[in-house]
Amino acid sequence: MRNHSAVTTFILLGLTNDPQLEIFIFIFLFISYMLSVIGNLTIISLILVDSHLKTAMYFFLQNFSLLEISFTTACVPPYLYVISSGDRTITIKACFSQIFFIVLFGSTEFFLLAVMSYDRYVAICKPLYYVTIMDNRVCRNLILSCWVSALLIILPLLGLSLHLEFCDSVIDHFYCDASPLLKNSCSDTWPIEQLVIVCAVLTFIMTLVCIVLSYIYIIRTILRLPSVQQRKKAFSTCSSHMIVVSITYGSCIFMYVKPSVKDEVAINKAVSLLTISVAPLLNPFIYTLRNKQVKQSFHDTLKRLASLSEKY
């Protein structure tokens, strides 16, 4: 029989018990986290200071970079602390807080990717009306709707989960995740599990449908352009967003299309590690290397900094 005594802390098993492998993981996560934060902060700063990057597209990119920093910060630093201190315990309140912020930032990213695809649709399919349609008020409202939608997803789930009783304290993951957390509960978790599935599927399908529909219209419009040069230019404005969408949705699909139940935990951990460390690191490079305006802004900023340093 299960022990129904009150559980106040959980134990995170992490990625491995091998001390040498943990050192390698710590170095990898620390470097990738620092590069991710620096890269995304660079994008945020460039868009803030450069007057040429004041369009809706860069406003959304700035918010996306902020979300990437927030998402990876919710996962990586706590696990780095676990490795460095050797203390694998986490309180229930801290665990629920971590889940709240991970789901909030992750869900907001999905909605923002859908908004960014709509922005590309307006820019390519309705270029003459782009500035009118995507004005500052509309952009702010779209960002606000992303956050509100994410909150509407997480708050009911969190409200139901707070009433759960726990009879096991081991979480087989390197951060607090909903699935292993619910396995530790003595309460009936079926309603919450069904609600989690419904919310996850709705978020995934709704945003993916918006993105697919946007790109269907975008591709149709691009193929109608008379010159090859125009088509290349139009595709180049969407390529960065398409790559990021492929990485984000691809990792989610891969996580849930599993070869076997036996490998479920290992695959979830591996994909989660890539999602929280590699993806936020790649996104700044994807957007800067494939965007002439961002690259030009970066070079101009470096020149200004170099000239200032020479003066002093």
C-alpha atoms as a PDB file:
ATOM      1  CA  MET A   1       0.000   0.000   0.000  1.00  0.00           C
ATOM      2  CA  ARG A   2       1.098   3.562  -0.645  1.00  0.00           C
ATOM      3  CA  ASN A   3       2.214   5.782   2.167  1.00  0.00           C
ATOM      4  CA  HIS A   4      -0.219   8.715   2.416  1.00  0.00           C
ATOM      5  CA  SER A   5       1.918  10.766   4.822  1.00  0.00           C
ATOM      6  CA  ALA A   6       2.352  14.380   3.746  1.00  0.00           C
ATOM      7  CA  VAL A   7       5.144  14.863   1.228  1.00  0.00           C
ATOM      8  CA  THR A   8       6.695  18.335   1.466  1.00  0.00           C
ATOM      9  CA  THR A   9       9.700  17.900  -0.843  1.00  0.00           C
ATOM     10  CA  PHE A  10      10.513  16.047  -4.045  1.00  0.00           C
ATOM     11  CA  ILE A  11      13.769  14.470  -5.158  1.00  0.00           C
ATOM     12  CA  LEU A  12      14.923  15.163  -8.729  1.00  0.00           C
ATOM     13  CA  LEU A  13      16.812  12.178 -10.154  1.00  0.00           C
ATOM     14  CA  GLY A  14      18.407  14.371 -12.833  1.00  0.00           C
ATOM     15  CA  LEU A  15      19.956  13.143 -16.066  1.00  0.00           C
ATOM     16  CA  THR A  16      22.545  10.746 -14.610  1.00  0.00           C
ATOM     17  CA  ASN A  17      24.128   9.466 -11.404  1.00  0.00           C
ATOM     18  CA  ASP A  18      27.616   9.358 -12.922  1.00  0.00           C
ATOM     19  CA  PRO A  19      29.686  12.179 -11.293  1.00  0.00           C
ATOM     20  CA  GLN A  20      32.026  12.529 -14.284  1.00  0.00           C
ATOM     21  CA  LEU A  21      29.135  12.713 -16.751  1.00  0.00           C
ATOM     22  CA  GLU A  22      27.436  15.267 -14.501  1.00  0.00           C
ATOM     23  CA  ILE A  23      30.540  17.505 -14.746  1.00  0.00           C
ATOM     24  CA  PHE A  24      30.342  17.321 -18.550  1.00  0.00           C
ATOM     25  CA  ILE A  25      26.590  18.090 -18.462  1.00  0.00           C
ATOM     26  CA  PHE A  26      27.210  21.033 -16.097  1.00  0.00           C
ATOM     27  CA  ILE A  27      29.847  22.546 -18.428  1.00  0.00           C
ATOM     28  CA  PHE A  28      27.671  21.971 -21.500  1.00  0.00           C
ATOM     29  CA  LEU A  29      24.558  23.512 -19.903  1.00  0.00           C
ATOM     30  CA  PHE A  30      26.456  26.427 -18.390  1.00  0.00           C
ATOM     31  CA  ILE A  31      28.151  27.373 -21.692  1.00  0.00           C
ATOM     32  CA  SER A  32      24.979  26.904 -23.771  1.00  0.00           C
ATOM     33  CA  TYR A  33      22.939  28.893 -21.236  1.00  0.00           C
ATOM     34  CA  MET A  34      25.387  31.815 -21.155  1.00  0.00           C
ATOM     35  CA  LEU A  35      25.642  31.906 -24.965  1.00  0.00           C
ATOM     36  CA  SER A  36      21.856  31.713 -25.268  1.00  0.00           C
ATOM     37  CA  VAL A  37      21.316  34.606 -22.843  1.00  0.00           C
ATOM     38  CA  ILE A  38      24.048  36.725 -24.483  1.00  0.00           C
ATOM     39  CA  GLY A  39      22.736  35.979 -27.988  1.00  0.00           C
ATOM     40  CA  ASN A  40      19.107  36.760 -27.183  1.00  0.00           C
ATOM     41  CA  LEU A  41      20.044  39.860 -25.164  1.00  0.00           C
ATOM     42  CA  THR A  42      22.055  41.045 -28.166  1.00  0.00           C
ATOM     43  CA  ILE A  43      18.972  40.776 -30.392  1.00  0.00           C
ATOM     44  CA  ILE A  44      16.819  42.596 -27.807  1.00  0.00           C
ATOM     45  CA  SER A  45      19.419  45.381 -27.468  1.00  0.00           C
ATOM     46  CA  LEU A  46      19.898  45.804 -31.235  1.00  0.00           C
ATOM     47  CA  ILE A  47      16.144  46.156 -31.797  1.00  0.00           C
ATOM     48  CA  LEU A  48      15.921  48.670 -28.938  1.00  0.00           C
ATOM     49  CA  VAL A  49      18.714  50.956 -30.181  1.00  0.00           C
ATOM     50  CA  ASP A  50      18.444  50.645 -33.983  1.00  0.00           C
ATOM     51  CA  SER A  51      15.775  52.803 -35.614  1.00  0.00           C
ATOM     52  CA  HIS A  52      15.821  50.575 -38.731  1.00  0.00           C
ATOM     53  CA  LEU A  53      14.517  47.640 -36.670  1.00  0.00           C
ATOM     54  CA  LYS A  54      11.284  49.236 -35.476  1.00  0.00           C
ATOM     55  CA  THR A  55       8.859  47.188 -37.612  1.00  0.00           C
ATOM     56  CA  ALA A  56       6.336  44.641 -36.322  1.00  0.00           C
ATOM     57  CA  MET A  57       8.556  41.730 -37.358  1.00  0.00           C
ATOM     58  CA  TYR A  58      11.410  42.857 -35.096  1.00  0.00           C
ATOM     59  CA  PHE A  59       9.033  43.772 -32.281  1.00  0.00           C
ATOM     60  CA  PHE A  60       7.814  40.156 -32.265  1.00  0.00           C
ATOM     61  CA  LEU A  61      11.390  38.871 -32.567  1.00  0.00           C
ATOM     62  CA  GLN A  62      12.366  40.961 -29.549  1.00  0.00           C
ATOM     63  CA  ASN A  63       9.547  39.422 -27.516  1.00  0.00           C
ATOM     64  CA  PHE A  64      10.481  35.951 -28.760  1.00  0.00           C
ATOM     65  CA  SER A  65      14.075  36.459 -27.600  1.00  0.00           C
ATOM     66  CA  LEU A  66      12.801  37.582 -24.189  1.00  0.00           C
ATOM     67  CA  LEU A  67      10.679  34.420 -23.967  1.00  0.00           C
ATOM     68  CA  GLU A  68      13.657  32.255 -24.915  1.00  0.00           C
ATOM     69  CA  ILE A  69      15.723  33.761 -22.086  1.00  0.00           C
ATOM     70  CA  SER A  70      12.841  33.314 -19.632  1.00  0.00           C
ATOM     71  CA  PHE A  71      12.144  29.717 -20.690  1.00  0.00           C
ATOM     72  CA  THR A  72      15.738  28.513 -20.461  1.00  0.00           C
ATOM     73  CA  THR A  73      16.251  30.422 -17.175  1.00  0.00           C
ATOM     74  CA  ALA A  74      13.292  28.576 -15.625  1.00  0.00           C
ATOM     75  CA  CYS A  75      15.001  25.231 -16.314  1.00  0.00           C
ATOM     76  CA  VAL A  76      18.790  25.468 -16.570  1.00  0.00           C
ATOM     77  CA  PRO A  77      20.020  27.482 -13.512  1.00  0.00           C
ATOM     78  CA  PRO A  78      18.007  25.357 -11.017  1.00  0.00           C
ATOM     79  CA  TYR A  79      19.528  22.167 -12.456  1.00  0.00           C
ATOM     80  CA  LEU A  80      23.023  23.707 -12.453  1.00  0.00           C
ATOM     81  CA  TYR A  81      22.482  24.397  -8.750  1.00  0.00           C
ATOM     82  CA  VAL A  82      21.404  20.773  -8.201  1.00  0.00           C
ATOM     83  CA  ILE A  83      24.590  19.480  -9.867  1.00  0.00           C
ATOM     84  CA  SER A  84      26.933  21.914  -8.113  1.00  0.00           C
ATOM     85  CA  SER A  85      25.430  21.557  -4.624  1.00  0.00           C
ATOM     86  CA  GLY A  86      24.474  17.874  -4.777  1.00  0.00           C
ATOM     87  CA  ASP A  87      21.136  18.776  -3.199  1.00  0.00           C
ATOM     88  CA  ARG A  88      18.479  17.112  -5.353  1.00  0.00           C
ATOM     89  CA  THR A  89      15.531  18.094  -3.160  1.00  0.00           C
ATOM     90  CA  ILE A  90      12.957  20.682  -4.182  1.00  0.00           C
ATOM     91  CA  THR A  91       9.967  21.885  -2.184  1.00  0.00           C
ATOM     92  CA  ILE A  92       6.434  21.378  -3.493  1.00  0.00           C
ATOM     93  CA  LYS A  93       5.932  25.154  -3.805  1.00  0.00           C
ATOM     94  CA  ALA A  94       9.164  25.548  -5.773  1.00  0.00           C
ATOM     95  CA  CYS A  95       8.212  22.588  -7.970  1.00  0.00           C
ATOM     96  CA  PHE A  96       4.780  24.026  -8.801  1.00  0.00           C
ATOM     97  CA  SER A  97       6.346  27.437  -9.419  1.00  0.00           C
ATOM     98  CA  GLN A  98       8.806  25.939 -11.890  1.00  0.00           C
ATOM     99  CA  ILE A  99       6.038  24.080 -13.736  1.00  0.00           C
ATOM    100  CA  PHE A 100       3.957  27.272 -13.862  1.00  0.00           C
ATOM    101  CA  PHE A 101       6.722  29.342 -15.471  1.00  0.00           C
ATOM    102  CA  ILE A 102       7.844  26.580 -17.872  1.00  0.00           C
ATOM    103  CA  VAL A 103       4.291  26.040 -19.165  1.00  0.00           C
ATOM    104  CA  LEU A 104       3.588  29.785 -19.247  1.00  0.00           C
ATOM    105  CA  PHE A 105       6.707  30.660 -21.259  1.00  0.00           C
ATOM    106  CA  GLY A 106       6.435  27.556 -23.465  1.00  0.00           C
ATOM    107  CA  SER A 107       2.749  28.121 -24.314  1.00  0.00           C
ATOM    108  CA  THR A 108       3.331  31.821 -24.976  1.00  0.00           C
ATOM    109  CA  GLU A 109       6.095  30.875 -27.424  1.00  0.00           C
ATOM    110  CA  PHE A 110       3.698  28.684 -29.413  1.00  0.00           C
ATOM    111  CA  PHE A 111       1.134  31.472 -29.662  1.00  0.00           C
ATOM    112  CA  LEU A 112       3.844  33.993 -30.549  1.00  0.00           C
ATOM    113  CA  LEU A 113       5.129  31.766 -33.361  1.00  0.00           C
ATOM    114  CA  ALA A 114       1.585  31.741 -34.769  1.00  0.00           C
ATOM    115  CA  VAL A 115       1.431  35.547 -34.508  1.00  0.00           C
ATOM    116  CA  MET A 116       4.812  35.828 -36.243  1.00  0.00           C
ATOM    117  CA  SER A 117       3.529  33.665 -39.109  1.00  0.00           C
ATOM    118  CA  TYR A 118       0.519  35.988 -39.451  1.00  0.00           C
ATOM    119  CA  ASP A 119       2.933  38.936 -39.554  1.00  0.00           C
ATOM    120  CA  ARG A 120       4.804  37.289 -42.437  1.00  0.00           C
ATOM    121  CA  TYR A 121       1.479  36.608 -44.184  1.00  0.00           C
ATOM    122  CA  VAL A 122       0.506  40.294 -44.015  1.00  0.00           C
ATOM    123  CA  ALA A 123       3.996  41.432 -45.100  1.00  0.00           C
ATOM    124  CA  ILE A 124       4.047  39.205 -48.204  1.00  0.00           C
ATOM    125  CA  CYS A 125       0.376  38.879 -49.165  1.00  0.00           C
ATOM    126  CA  LYS A 126      -0.717  42.430 -48.282  1.00  0.00           C
ATOM    127  CA  PRO A 127       2.491  44.504 -48.498  1.00  0.00           C
ATOM    128  CA  LEU A 128       0.736  47.800 -49.277  1.00  0.00           C
ATOM    129  CA  TYR A 129      -1.360  47.533 -46.098  1.00  0.00           C
ATOM    130  CA  TYR A 130       1.367  46.067 -43.852  1.00  0.00           C
ATOM    131  CA  VAL A 131       2.179  49.256 -41.921  1.00  0.00           C
ATOM    132  CA  THR A 132      -1.535  50.037 -41.513  1.00  0.00           C
ATOM    133  CA  ILE A 133      -2.558  46.558 -40.367  1.00  0.00           C
ATOM    134  CA  MET A 134       0.456  45.827 -38.145  1.00  0.00           C
ATOM    135  CA  ASP A 135       0.599  49.137 -36.297  1.00  0.00           C
ATOM    136  CA  ASN A 136       1.922  49.529 -32.732  1.00  0.00           C
ATOM    137  CA  ARG A 137      -1.481  49.060 -31.097  1.00  0.00           C
ATOM    138  CA  VAL A 138      -2.201  45.842 -32.994  1.00  0.00           C
ATOM    139  CA  CYS A 139       1.272  44.458 -32.223  1.00  0.00           C
ATOM    140  CA  ARG A 140       0.919  45.186 -28.491  1.00  0.00           C
ATOM    141  CA  ASN A 141      -2.551  43.590 -28.445  1.00  0.00           C
ATOM    142  CA  LEU A 142      -1.255  40.490 -30.216  1.00  0.00           C
ATOM    143  CA  ILE A 143       1.576  40.104 -27.684  1.00  0.00           C
ATOM    144  CA  LEU A 144      -0.888  40.605 -24.834  1.00  0.00           C
ATOM    145  CA  SER A 145      -3.224  37.981 -26.312  1.00  0.00           C
ATOM    146  CA  CYS A 146      -0.328  35.465 -26.414  1.00  0.00           C
ATOM    147  CA  TRP A 147       0.328  35.936 -22.682  1.00  0.00           C
ATOM    148  CA  VAL A 148      -3.373  35.895 -21.763  1.00  0.00           C
ATOM    149  CA  SER A 149      -3.961  32.706 -23.794  1.00  0.00           C
ATOM    150  CA  ALA A 150      -1.046  30.999 -22.037  1.00  0.00           C
ATOM    151  CA  LEU A 151      -2.363  32.096 -18.618  1.00  0.00           C
ATOM    152  CA  LEU A 152      -5.834  30.762 -19.461  1.00  0.00           C
ATOM    153  CA  ILE A 153      -4.209  27.395 -20.167  1.00  0.00           C
ATOM    154  CA  ILE A 154      -2.018  27.128 -17.078  1.00  0.00           C
ATOM    155  CA  LEU A 155      -4.213  28.678 -14.345  1.00  0.00           C
ATOM    156  CA  PRO A 156      -7.061  26.066 -14.383  1.00  0.00           C
ATOM    157  CA  LEU A 157      -4.499  23.241 -14.414  1.00  0.00           C
ATOM    158  CA  LEU A 158      -2.521  24.803 -11.590  1.00  0.00           C
ATOM    159  CA  GLY A 159      -5.682  25.442  -9.565  1.00  0.00           C
ATOM    160  CA  LEU A 160      -6.706  21.770  -9.784  1.00  0.00           C
ATOM    161  CA  SER A 161      -3.168  20.499  -9.101  1.00  0.00           C
ATOM    162  CA  LEU A 162      -2.754  22.497  -5.880  1.00  0.00           C
ATOM    163  CA  HIS A 163      -5.328  20.245  -4.191  1.00  0.00           C
ATOM    164  CA  LEU A 164      -3.430  17.039  -4.951  1.00  0.00           C
ATOM    165  CA  GLU A 165      -1.955  14.835  -2.213  1.00  0.00           C
ATOM    166  CA  PHE A 166       1.390  13.151  -2.827  1.00  0.00           C
ATOM    167  CA  CYS A 167       2.614   9.807  -1.554  1.00  0.00           C
ATOM    168  CA  ASP A 168       5.880   9.498  -3.477  1.00  0.00           C
ATOM    169  CA  SER A 169       8.703  12.027  -3.616  1.00  0.00           C
ATOM    170  CA  VAL A 170      10.864  10.868  -6.543  1.00  0.00           C
ATOM    171  CA  ILE A 171      10.666  12.784  -9.850  1.00  0.00           C
ATOM    172  CA  ASP A 172      12.507  11.017 -12.664  1.00  0.00           C
ATOM    173  CA  HIS A 173      13.542  14.183 -14.491  1.00  0.00           C
ATOM    174  CA  PHE A 174      16.041  17.037 -14.151  1.00  0.00           C
ATOM    175  CA  TYR A 175      13.317  19.643 -13.571  1.00  0.00           C
ATOM    176  CA  CYS A 176       9.734  19.580 -12.336  1.00  0.00           C
ATOM    177  CA  ASP A 177       7.498  18.313 -15.112  1.00  0.00           C
ATOM    178  CA  ALA A 178       3.760  17.672 -14.985  1.00  0.00           C
ATOM    179  CA  SER A 179       3.838  14.006 -16.050  1.00  0.00           C
ATOM    180  CA  PRO A 180       6.276  12.632 -13.392  1.00  0.00           C
ATOM    181  CA  LEU A 181       4.678  14.931 -10.784  1.00  0.00           C
ATOM    182  CA  LEU A 182       1.194  13.482 -11.367  1.00  0.00           C
ATOM    183  CA  LYS A 183       2.612   9.940 -11.049  1.00  0.00           C
ATOM    184  CA  ASN A 184       3.568  10.772  -7.448  1.00  0.00           C
ATOM    185  CA  SER A 185       0.018  11.727  -6.471  1.00  0.00           C
ATOM    186  CA  CYS A 186      -2.248   9.606  -4.282  1.00  0.00           C
ATOM    187  CA  SER A 187      -5.280  11.567  -5.499  1.00  0.00           C
ATOM    188  CA  ASP A 188      -7.355  10.843  -8.591  1.00  0.00           C
ATOM    189  CA  THR A 189      -5.401  12.597 -11.350  1.00  0.00           C
ATOM    190  CA  TRP A 190      -7.552  11.420 -14.290  1.00  0.00           C
ATOM    191  CA  PRO A 191      -9.457  14.739 -14.709  1.00  0.00           C
ATOM    192  CA  ILE A 192      -6.212  16.737 -14.585  1.00  0.00           C
ATOM    193  CA  GLU A 193      -4.481  14.388 -17.026  1.00  0.00           C
ATOM    194  CA  GLN A 194      -7.355  14.716 -19.500  1.00  0.00           C
ATOM    195  CA  LEU A 195      -7.351  18.494 -19.126  1.00  0.00           C
ATOM    196  CA  VAL A 196      -3.574  18.568 -19.695  1.00  0.00           C
ATOM    197  CA  ILE A 197      -4.008  16.549 -22.906  1.00  0.00           C
ATOM    198  CA  VAL A 198      -6.863  18.768 -24.137  1.00  0.00           C
ATOM    199  CA  CYS A 199      -4.951  22.001 -23.415  1.00  0.00           C
ATOM    200  CA  ALA A 200      -1.731  20.684 -24.962  1.00  0.00           C
ATOM    201  CA  VAL A 201      -3.453  19.399 -28.103  1.00  0.00           C
ATOM    202  CA  LEU A 202      -5.531  22.570 -28.523  1.00  0.00           C
ATOM    203  CA  THR A 203      -2.465  24.795 -28.131  1.00  0.00           C
ATOM    204  CA  PHE A 204      -0.405  22.664 -30.488  1.00  0.00           C
ATOM    205  CA  ILE A 205      -3.095  22.168 -33.153  1.00  0.00           C
ATOM    206  CA  MET A 206      -4.519  25.709 -33.062  1.00  0.00           C
ATOM    207  CA  THR A 207      -1.138  27.397 -33.426  1.00  0.00           C
ATOM    208  CA  LEU A 208       0.077  24.874 -36.013  1.00  0.00           C
ATOM    209  CA  VAL A 209      -3.084  25.355 -38.121  1.00  0.00           C
ATOM    210  CA  CYS A 210      -2.553  29.154 -38.024  1.00  0.00           C
ATOM    211  CA  ILE A 211       1.066  28.719 -39.119  1.00  0.00           C
ATOM    212  CA  VAL A 212       0.241  26.220 -41.890  1.00  0.00           C
ATOM    213  CA  LEU A 213      -2.607  28.365 -43.272  1.00  0.00           C
ATOM    214  CA  SER A 214      -0.386  31.469 -43.219  1.00  0.00           C
ATOM    215  CA  TYR A 215       2.353  29.696 -45.142  1.00  0.00           C
ATOM    216  CA  ILE A 216      -0.069  28.194 -47.662  1.00  0.00           C
ATOM    217  CA  TYR A 217      -1.155  31.730 -48.596  1.00  0.00           C
ATOM    218  CA  ILE A 218       2.456  32.963 -48.438  1.00  0.00           C
ATOM    219  CA  ILE A 219       3.735  30.230 -50.783  1.00  0.00           C
ATOM    220  CA  ARG A 220       0.834  30.793 -53.194  1.00  0.00           C
ATOM    221  CA  THR A 221       1.614  34.528 -53.290  1.00  0.00           C
ATOM    222  CA  ILE A 222       5.370  33.986 -53.709  1.00  0.00           C
ATOM    223  CA  LEU A 223       4.901  31.533 -56.594  1.00  0.00           C
ATOM    224  CA  ARG A 224       2.854  34.171 -58.420  1.00  0.00           C
ATOM    225  CA  LEU A 225       5.677  36.706 -58.293  1.00  0.00           C
ATOM    226  CA  PRO A 226       7.067  37.362 -61.807  1.00  0.00           C
ATOM    227  CA  SER A 227      10.843  37.244 -61.182  1.00  0.00           C
ATOM    228  CA  VAL A 228      13.085  34.670 -59.512  1.00  0.00           C
ATOM    229  CA  GLN A 229      14.814  37.451 -57.563  1.00  0.00           C
ATOM    230  CA  GLN A 230      11.511  38.580 -56.031  1.00  0.00           C
ATOM    231  CA  ARG A 231      10.645  35.014 -55.070  1.00  0.00           C
ATOM    232  CA  LYS A 232      14.062  34.508 -53.417  1.00  0.00           C
ATOM    233  CA  LYS A 233      13.737  37.759 -51.485  1.00  0.00           C
ATOM    234  CA  ALA A 234      10.223  36.844 -50.296  1.00  0.00           C
ATOM    235  CA  PHE A 235      11.285  33.359 -49.203  1.00  0.00           C
ATOM    236  CA  SER A 236      14.335  34.758 -47.368  1.00  0.00           C
ATOM    237  CA  THR A 237      12.082  36.917 -45.139  1.00  0.00           C
ATOM    238  CA  CYS A 238      10.276  33.750 -43.964  1.00  0.00           C
ATOM    239  CA  SER A 239      13.143  31.266 -43.836  1.00  0.00           C
ATOM    240  CA  SER A 240      14.313  32.095 -40.285  1.00  0.00           C
ATOM    241  CA  HIS A 241      10.790  31.779 -38.876  1.00  0.00           C
ATOM    242  CA  MET A 242      10.225  28.501 -40.755  1.00  0.00           C
ATOM    243  CA  ILE A 243      13.442  27.008 -39.301  1.00  0.00           C
ATOM    244  CA  VAL A 244      12.494  28.016 -35.737  1.00  0.00           C
ATOM    245  CA  VAL A 245       8.959  26.626 -36.220  1.00  0.00           C
ATOM    246  CA  SER A 246      10.418  23.342 -37.510  1.00  0.00           C
ATOM    247  CA  ILE A 247      12.728  23.027 -34.482  1.00  0.00           C
ATOM    248  CA  THR A 248       9.992  23.904 -31.953  1.00  0.00           C
ATOM    249  CA  TYR A 249       7.207  21.738 -33.351  1.00  0.00           C
ATOM    250  CA  GLY A 250       9.575  18.989 -34.462  1.00  0.00           C
ATOM    251  CA  SER A 251      10.926  18.519 -30.929  1.00  0.00           C
ATOM    252  CA  CYS A 252       7.367  18.304 -29.549  1.00  0.00           C
ATOM    253  CA  ILE A 253       6.307  15.741 -32.150  1.00  0.00           C
ATOM    254  CA  PHE A 254       9.464  13.687 -31.574  1.00  0.00           C
ATOM    255  CA  MET A 255       8.865  13.720 -27.812  1.00  0.00           C
ATOM    256  CA  TYR A 256       5.410  12.178 -28.128  1.00  0.00           C
ATOM    257  CA  VAL A 257       6.011   9.759 -31.017  1.00  0.00           C
ATOM    258  CA  LYS A 258       7.937   7.246 -28.931  1.00  0.00           C
ATOM    259  CA  PRO A 259       9.424   3.899 -30.043  1.00  0.00           C
ATOM    260  CA  SER A 260       8.436   2.192 -26.781  1.00  0.00           C
ATOM    261  CA  VAL A 261       7.167   2.892 -23.287  1.00  0.00           C
ATOM    262  CA  LYS A 262      10.480   1.620 -21.892  1.00  0.00           C
ATOM    263  CA  ASP A 263      12.390   4.438 -23.605  1.00  0.00           C
ATOM    264  CA  GLU A 264       9.812   7.129 -22.754  1.00  0.00           C
ATOM    265  CA  VAL A 265      11.658   8.727 -19.826  1.00  0.00           C
ATOM    266  CA  ALA A 266      15.078   8.669 -21.522  1.00  0.00           C
ATOM    267  CA  ILE A 267      13.713  10.213 -24.739  1.00  0.00           C
ATOM    268  CA  ASN A 268      11.769  12.873 -22.825  1.00  0.00           C
ATOM    269  CA  LYS A 269      14.909  13.834 -20.907  1.00  0.00           C
ATOM    270  CA  ALA A 270      17.062  13.970 -24.050  1.00  0.00           C
ATOM    271  CA  VAL A 271      14.556  16.034 -26.061  1.00  0.00           C
ATOM    272  CA  SER A 272      13.889  18.301 -23.066  1.00  0.00           C
ATOM    273  CA  LEU A 273      17.642  18.904 -22.709  1.00  0.00           C
ATOM    274  CA  LEU A 274      17.887  19.950 -26.354  1.00  0.00           C
ATOM    275  CA  THR A 275      14.725  22.075 -26.090  1.00  0.00           C
ATOM    276  CA  ILE A 276      15.875  24.069 -23.058  1.00  0.00           C
ATOM    277  CA  SER A 277      19.549  24.442 -24.008  1.00  0.00           C
ATOM    278  CA  VAL A 278      20.243  24.052 -27.736  1.00  0.00           C
ATOM    279  CA  ALA A 279      17.082  25.611 -29.235  1.00  0.00           C
ATOM    280  CA  PRO A 280      17.366  28.952 -27.345  1.00  0.00           C
ATOM    281  CA  LEU A 281      21.053  29.021 -28.326  1.00  0.00           C
ATOM    282  CA  LEU A 282      20.373  28.420 -32.031  1.00  0.00           C
ATOM    283  CA  ASN A 283      17.546  30.915 -32.471  1.00  0.00           C
ATOM    284  CA  PRO A 284      19.694  34.114 -32.216  1.00  0.00           C
ATOM    285  CA  PHE A 285      22.104  32.688 -34.806  1.00  0.00           C
ATOM    286  CA  ILE A 286      19.245  31.629 -37.097  1.00  0.00           C
ATOM    287  CA  TYR A 287      17.735  35.106 -37.070  1.00  0.00           C
ATOM    288  CA  THR A 288      21.013  37.043 -37.298  1.00  0.00           C
ATOM    289  CA  LEU A 289      22.832  34.925 -39.892  1.00  0.00           C
ATOM    290  CA  ARG A 290      19.821  34.840 -42.224  1.00  0.00           C
ATOM    291  CA  ASN A 291      18.750  38.467 -41.794  1.00  0.00           C
ATOM    292  CA  LYS A 292      20.697  41.229 -43.550  1.00  0.00           C
ATOM    293  CA  GLN A 293      19.175  44.056 -41.499  1.00  0.00           C
ATOM    294  CA  VAL A 294      20.055  42.434 -38.169  1.00  0.00           C
ATOM    295  CA  LYS A 295      23.587  41.654 -39.389  1.00  0.00           C
ATOM    296  CA  GLN A 296      24.010  45.233 -40.607  1.00  0.00           C
ATOM    297  CA  SER A 297      22.708  46.574 -37.304  1.00  0.00           C
ATOM    298  CA  PHE A 298      25.144  44.337 -35.406  1.00  0.00           C
ATOM    299  CA  HIS A 299      28.102  45.525 -37.517  1.00  0.00           C
ATOM    300  CA  ASP A 300      27.082  49.184 -37.131  1.00  0.00           C
ATOM    301  CA  THR A 301      26.784  48.801 -33.359  1.00  0.00           C
ATOM    302  CA  LEU A 302      30.236  47.183 -33.162  1.00  0.00           C
ATOM    303  CA  LYS A 303      31.697  50.070 -35.197  1.00  0.00           C
ATOM    304  CA  ARG A 304      30.080  52.631 -32.872  1.00  0.00           C
ATOM    305  CA  LEU A 305      31.411  50.826 -29.801  1.00  0.00           C
ATOM    306  CA  ALA A 306      34.886  50.600 -31.360  1.00  0.00           C
ATOM    307  CA  SER A 307      34.899  54.319 -32.180  1.00  0.00           C
ATOM    308  CA  LEU A 308      33.791  55.186 -28.627  1.00  0.00           C
ATOM    309  CA  SER A 309      36.537  53.005 -27.119  1.00  0.00           C
ATOM    310  CA  GLU A 310      39.145  54.740 -29.303  1.00  0.00           C
ATOM    311  CA  LYS A 311      38.000  58.162 -28.021  1.00  0.00           C
ATOM    312  CA  TYR A 312      38.416  57.099 -24.413  1.00  0.00           C
END
